[in-house]
Protein backbone atom coordinates (compact mmCIF):
# COMPACT_ATOMS: atom_id res chain seq x y z
CA MET A 1 63.86 120.33 -140.65
CA THR A 2 61.61 119.20 -142.18
CA SER A 3 57.56 119.49 -141.01
CA ARG A 4 57.33 115.76 -140.17
CA LEU A 5 60.75 115.59 -138.23
CA LYS A 6 59.12 118.62 -136.24
CA ARG A 7 56.61 117.01 -135.35
CA LEU A 8 57.61 114.23 -134.64
CA ALA A 9 60.21 115.71 -132.12
CA VAL A 10 57.81 117.58 -130.66
CA ALA A 11 55.68 114.31 -129.74
CA SER A 12 58.61 112.57 -128.40
CA LEU A 13 59.98 115.53 -126.31
CA ALA A 14 56.01 115.38 -125.20
CA THR A 15 56.27 111.13 -124.41
CA ALA A 16 59.39 112.31 -122.79
CA LEU A 17 58.21 114.76 -120.31
CA ALA A 18 55.47 113.37 -119.05
CA THR A 19 57.27 109.66 -118.82
CA LEU A 20 59.25 112.53 -116.34
CA GLY A 21 55.65 113.62 -114.85
CA ILE A 22 56.03 116.72 -116.23
CA THR A 23 52.94 118.03 -118.70
CA VAL A 24 52.59 119.49 -121.66
CA ALA A 25 50.15 120.53 -124.17
CA ASN A 26 49.78 119.37 -127.38
CA PRO A 27 49.97 122.18 -130.27
CA SER A 28 48.08 121.82 -132.70
CA PRO A 29 49.01 120.32 -136.09
CA ALA A 30 50.34 122.62 -138.69
CA SER A 31 49.96 120.06 -141.57
CA ALA A 32 48.67 116.53 -140.82
CA ALA A 33 50.85 113.28 -141.87
CA MET A 34 47.63 111.38 -142.70
CA THR A 35 43.31 112.30 -143.33
CA ILE A 36 41.32 109.54 -141.41
CA CYS A 37 37.77 110.47 -143.51
CA TYR A 38 34.84 109.09 -140.57
CA ASN A 39 31.34 108.58 -142.27
CA THR A 40 28.30 109.72 -139.55
CA SER A 41 25.23 108.57 -142.51
CA GLN A 42 24.62 105.68 -139.96
CA ALA A 43 25.04 107.26 -136.49
CA GLY A 44 21.93 108.82 -136.21
CA SER A 45 21.65 111.33 -133.98
CA TYR A 46 25.26 110.75 -132.83
CA ALA A 47 26.63 112.71 -135.66
CA SER A 48 27.60 115.62 -133.98
CA VAL A 49 28.86 113.48 -130.98
CA ALA A 50 31.53 112.45 -133.54
CA ASN A 51 31.91 115.58 -134.91
CA GLN A 52 33.16 116.65 -131.13
CA ALA A 53 35.40 113.44 -130.11
CA ALA A 54 37.14 114.03 -133.48
CA THR A 55 38.06 117.56 -132.41
CA ILE A 56 39.08 116.57 -129.22
CA TRP A 57 41.63 114.17 -131.10
CA ASN A 58 42.76 116.85 -133.57
CA ASN A 59 43.50 119.15 -131.22
CA ALA A 60 44.90 116.67 -128.59
CA THR A 61 47.71 114.90 -131.89
CA VAL A 62 49.84 115.37 -134.36
CA ASN A 63 50.49 113.41 -137.44
CA LEU A 64 46.84 112.58 -138.35
CA THR A 65 43.19 114.89 -138.95
CA LEU A 66 40.22 113.14 -138.27
CA SER A 67 37.96 114.63 -140.74
CA ALA A 68 33.76 114.51 -141.95
CA ASN A 69 32.48 112.37 -144.66
CA CYS A 70 35.21 112.38 -146.87
CA GLY A 71 35.47 108.58 -147.46
CA SER A 72 35.00 105.87 -145.32
CA ASN A 73 37.90 104.96 -143.08
CA LEU A 74 36.21 105.00 -139.58
CA ARG A 75 32.61 104.64 -140.28
CA ILE A 76 30.11 105.39 -136.92
CA TYR A 77 26.88 103.07 -136.45
CA ARG A 78 24.37 103.79 -133.80
CA ILE A 79 22.88 100.47 -132.81
CA THR A 80 20.42 99.22 -129.78
CA GLY A 81 21.51 96.80 -127.45
CA GLY A 82 24.38 94.96 -127.49
CA GLY A 83 27.23 97.70 -125.64
CA SER A 84 29.32 100.12 -127.80
CA TYR A 85 32.13 98.62 -129.04
CA ALA A 86 35.32 99.39 -131.73
CA VAL A 87 36.16 96.93 -134.50
CA ARG A 88 39.56 97.90 -135.96
CA THR A 89 40.42 96.84 -139.28
CA SER A 90 44.83 98.18 -139.21
CA LEU A 91 45.58 101.80 -137.89
CA GLY A 92 42.88 104.37 -139.00
CA ASN A 93 40.54 102.17 -140.15
CA GLY A 94 37.44 100.48 -138.81
CA ARG A 95 34.64 101.12 -137.02
CA VAL A 96 32.46 101.85 -134.09
CA TYR A 97 29.10 101.05 -132.90
CA ILE A 98 27.32 103.96 -130.19
CA ASP A 99 24.82 101.68 -128.42
CA THR A 100 22.25 103.74 -127.23
CA GLN A 101 21.59 101.61 -123.78
CA GLN A 102 25.01 102.44 -122.54
CA ALA A 103 24.91 106.12 -123.74
CA ALA A 104 21.90 106.47 -121.73
CA GLN A 105 23.65 105.85 -118.63
CA TYR A 106 27.41 106.75 -119.44
CA SER A 107 28.48 110.00 -121.50
CA VAL A 108 28.02 109.63 -124.92
CA LEU A 109 30.97 112.18 -125.76
CA ARG A 110 33.60 109.79 -123.24
CA ILE A 111 32.16 106.56 -124.92
CA MET A 112 32.52 107.57 -128.45
CA THR A 113 35.93 109.20 -127.75
CA HIS A 114 37.13 106.34 -126.18
CA GLU A 115 35.80 104.23 -129.33
CA ILE A 116 37.81 105.95 -131.78
CA GLY A 117 40.91 105.66 -129.32
CA HIS A 118 40.82 102.14 -130.54
CA ILE A 119 40.33 103.19 -133.93
CA LEU A 120 44.11 105.47 -133.09
CA GLY A 121 45.57 102.55 -131.87
CA LEU A 122 44.95 102.45 -127.75
CA PRO A 123 44.23 99.57 -125.77
CA ASP A 124 41.80 99.46 -123.11
CA ASN A 125 42.85 100.56 -119.59
CA TYR A 126 40.71 99.33 -117.06
CA ASN A 127 41.84 100.88 -113.85
CA GLY A 128 38.67 103.19 -112.77
CA ASN A 129 41.11 106.27 -113.24
CA CYS A 130 38.48 109.42 -114.70
CA SER A 131 41.46 111.40 -115.91
CA LEU A 132 42.55 107.97 -118.24
CA LEU A 133 39.88 108.12 -121.07
CA MET A 134 41.47 104.59 -122.49
CA SER A 135 39.40 103.13 -118.88
CA GLY A 136 36.20 103.01 -120.21
CA GLY A 137 33.37 102.48 -118.18
CA SER A 138 36.34 101.28 -115.48
CA ALA A 139 35.54 105.19 -114.34
CA GLY A 140 32.04 104.68 -113.48
CA THR A 141 28.96 106.18 -114.40
CA SER A 142 29.09 109.55 -112.95
CA CYS A 143 32.92 110.08 -115.17
CA THR A 144 32.45 112.79 -118.00
CA ASN A 145 36.04 113.13 -119.10
CA ALA A 146 36.08 112.50 -123.02
CA TYR A 147 39.62 113.83 -123.71
CA PRO A 148 42.33 111.70 -123.62
CA SER A 149 45.28 112.17 -121.56
CA THR A 150 49.64 113.48 -122.15
CA ALA A 151 50.21 109.83 -122.61
CA GLU A 152 47.68 108.59 -124.83
CA ALA A 153 47.42 111.40 -127.15
CA ASN A 154 51.33 111.01 -126.89
CA ARG A 155 51.12 106.91 -128.60
CA VAL A 156 48.74 108.06 -130.60
CA SER A 157 50.70 111.02 -132.24
CA ASN A 158 53.96 108.27 -132.33
CA LEU A 159 51.59 105.51 -133.70
CA PHE A 160 50.82 108.61 -136.83
CA ALA A 161 54.70 109.04 -136.65
CA GLY A 162 55.92 105.51 -137.64
CA THR A 163 57.55 105.51 -134.47
CA PHE A 164 56.92 102.10 -132.21
CA ALA A 165 58.56 99.66 -134.26
CA ALA A 166 56.02 96.58 -135.94
CA THR A 167 55.58 94.68 -132.54
CA GLU A 168 54.21 97.40 -131.19
CA ARG A 169 51.57 98.41 -133.19
CA SER A 170 49.13 95.78 -132.64
CA ALA A 171 46.99 97.57 -135.15
CA ASP A 172 49.50 96.88 -137.78
CA ARG A 173 48.46 92.74 -137.38
CA ALA A 174 46.49 91.25 -139.88
CA GLY A 175 43.24 90.63 -139.45
CA ALA A 176 40.39 92.52 -137.32
CA ASP A 177 41.15 93.79 -133.41
CA VAL A 178 37.95 94.13 -131.78
CA PHE A 179 37.44 96.04 -128.55
CA GLN A 180 34.29 94.69 -126.21
CA ASP A 181 33.54 95.18 -122.71
CA SER A 182 34.75 98.60 -122.33
CA TRP A 183 31.56 100.15 -121.07
CA PRO A 184 29.68 97.47 -118.18
CA SER A 185 26.12 96.43 -119.42
CA MET A 186 22.93 98.62 -118.15
CA LEU A 187 22.22 98.27 -114.44
CA THR A 188 19.19 95.71 -114.11
CA SER A 189 16.72 96.51 -111.02
CA VAL A 190 15.90 93.05 -108.93
CA SER A 191 12.29 92.77 -108.63
């Protein structure tokens, strides 16, 4: 059995077990099928946070590896105002914008890992559940969980293994997908 088939079998088994409510840890990828090169030259003080988020995704998934400053599939920007958001141009490609004002209120690592999740093919899930990374800011400012759930990680692994049909892979549509409003705006005081 080829290493790609082994990784696919492991990811499929983990997804099936997660569906049954059984949680298993994803093995570290032996050799990734795809490398996503991210560029932090515009991330300023958030470059180290981007590296932490990449490590989280690398440890949680198979079939891909995020690697720093080897290219620009993913560009990370530090901005002030306007909110944190992601623009996915295709699966594994796009831009992440981290708003310094929101990063002062929410966990910047959770924001970064969440926004990179969009580039990796995950949609928002505004259910307020802190254990789900893609619930974003709906889980509140006290939520600092920066780790994808088993189901979220398995979905990314399966997307990069090519096991979903084209209609299930929204990241492959023509045009860019913009993911905004995951993080409620800063609270304002009323005088």
